[in-house]
Protein backbone atom coordinates (compact mmCIF):
# COMPACT_ATOMS: atom_id res chain seq x y z
CA MET A 1 11.49 -8.45 -4.70
CA VAL A 2 7.92 -7.63 -5.59
CA VAL A 3 6.54 -4.01 -5.09
CA VAL A 4 2.81 -3.76 -4.74
CA ASN A 5 1.07 -0.42 -5.61
CA LEU A 6 -1.20 -0.56 -2.48
CA SER A 7 -4.26 1.78 -2.56
CA GLY A 8 -5.95 0.07 0.39
CA GLY A 9 -8.67 -1.37 -1.60
CA CYS A 10 -9.66 -5.02 -1.84
CA GLU A 11 -7.84 -5.65 -5.21
CA SER A 12 -4.54 -4.43 -4.13
CA VAL A 13 -4.64 -5.97 -0.67
CA ALA A 14 -5.37 -9.29 -2.47
CA THR A 15 -2.40 -8.76 -4.68
CA LEU A 16 -0.32 -8.12 -1.64
CA LEU A 17 -1.55 -11.29 0.12
CA TRP A 18 -1.09 -13.39 -3.09
CA ASN A 19 2.53 -12.40 -3.17
CA LEU A 20 3.11 -13.06 0.58
CA LYS A 21 1.61 -16.44 0.08
CA ARG A 22 4.13 -17.23 -2.59
CA LYS A 23 6.96 -16.37 -0.15
CA GLU A 24 7.99 -13.32 -2.16
CA ASP A 25 9.97 -10.52 -0.68
CA VAL A 26 7.15 -7.95 -0.70
CA ARG A 27 7.35 -4.12 -0.43
CA ALA A 28 4.37 -1.79 -0.92
CA VAL A 29 4.11 1.73 -2.29
CA HIS A 30 1.11 4.05 -1.72
CA TYR A 31 0.45 7.35 -3.55
CA GLU A 32 -1.13 10.03 -1.53
CA PHE A 33 -3.01 12.65 -3.49
CA GLY A 34 -3.65 15.36 -0.62
CA ASP A 35 -6.14 15.30 2.08
CA SER A 36 -8.71 13.50 0.15
CA SER A 37 -6.63 10.22 0.23
CA ARG A 38 -5.60 10.48 3.89
CA LYS A 39 -8.12 7.65 4.99
CA GLU A 40 -6.54 5.40 2.32
CA THR A 41 -3.04 6.06 3.76
CA VAL A 42 -4.20 5.23 7.26
CA ARG A 43 -5.64 1.95 5.89
CA VAL A 44 -2.32 1.13 4.18
CA ASP A 45 -0.50 1.76 7.40
CA ILE A 46 -2.79 -0.66 9.30
CA ILE A 47 -2.66 -3.27 6.71
CA CYS A 48 1.22 -3.16 6.35
CA GLY A 49 1.53 -3.06 10.17
CA ILE A 50 -0.49 -6.21 10.58
CA LEU A 51 1.26 -8.03 7.86
CA GLY A 52 4.78 -6.84 8.54
CA VAL A 53 5.32 -5.46 5.12
CA PRO A 54 7.62 -2.52 4.57
CA TYR A 55 6.01 0.37 2.63
CA LYS A 56 6.62 3.93 1.47
CA VAL A 57 4.08 6.74 1.03
CA ILE A 58 4.79 8.98 -1.91
CA GLU A 59 3.05 12.41 -1.83
CA VAL A 60 1.84 13.60 -5.18
CA ASN A 61 0.97 17.36 -5.34
CA GLY A 62 -0.79 19.48 -7.99
CA PHE A 63 -3.83 17.18 -8.82
CA ASN A 64 -6.42 18.80 -6.51
């Protein structure tokens, strides 16, 4: 199994796609740092939904 740290940006999405192309069992994790990263979380939800990749959002507090 491969776990990709998915920020929603082009580099992490490319890493996700590369592992999917290799037929890996892929999962994603996304770290949410409060309201400022909410747009990224929505992007991750859309990307993983389209690609059928299970993911987990981990909320990180205390950095704002």
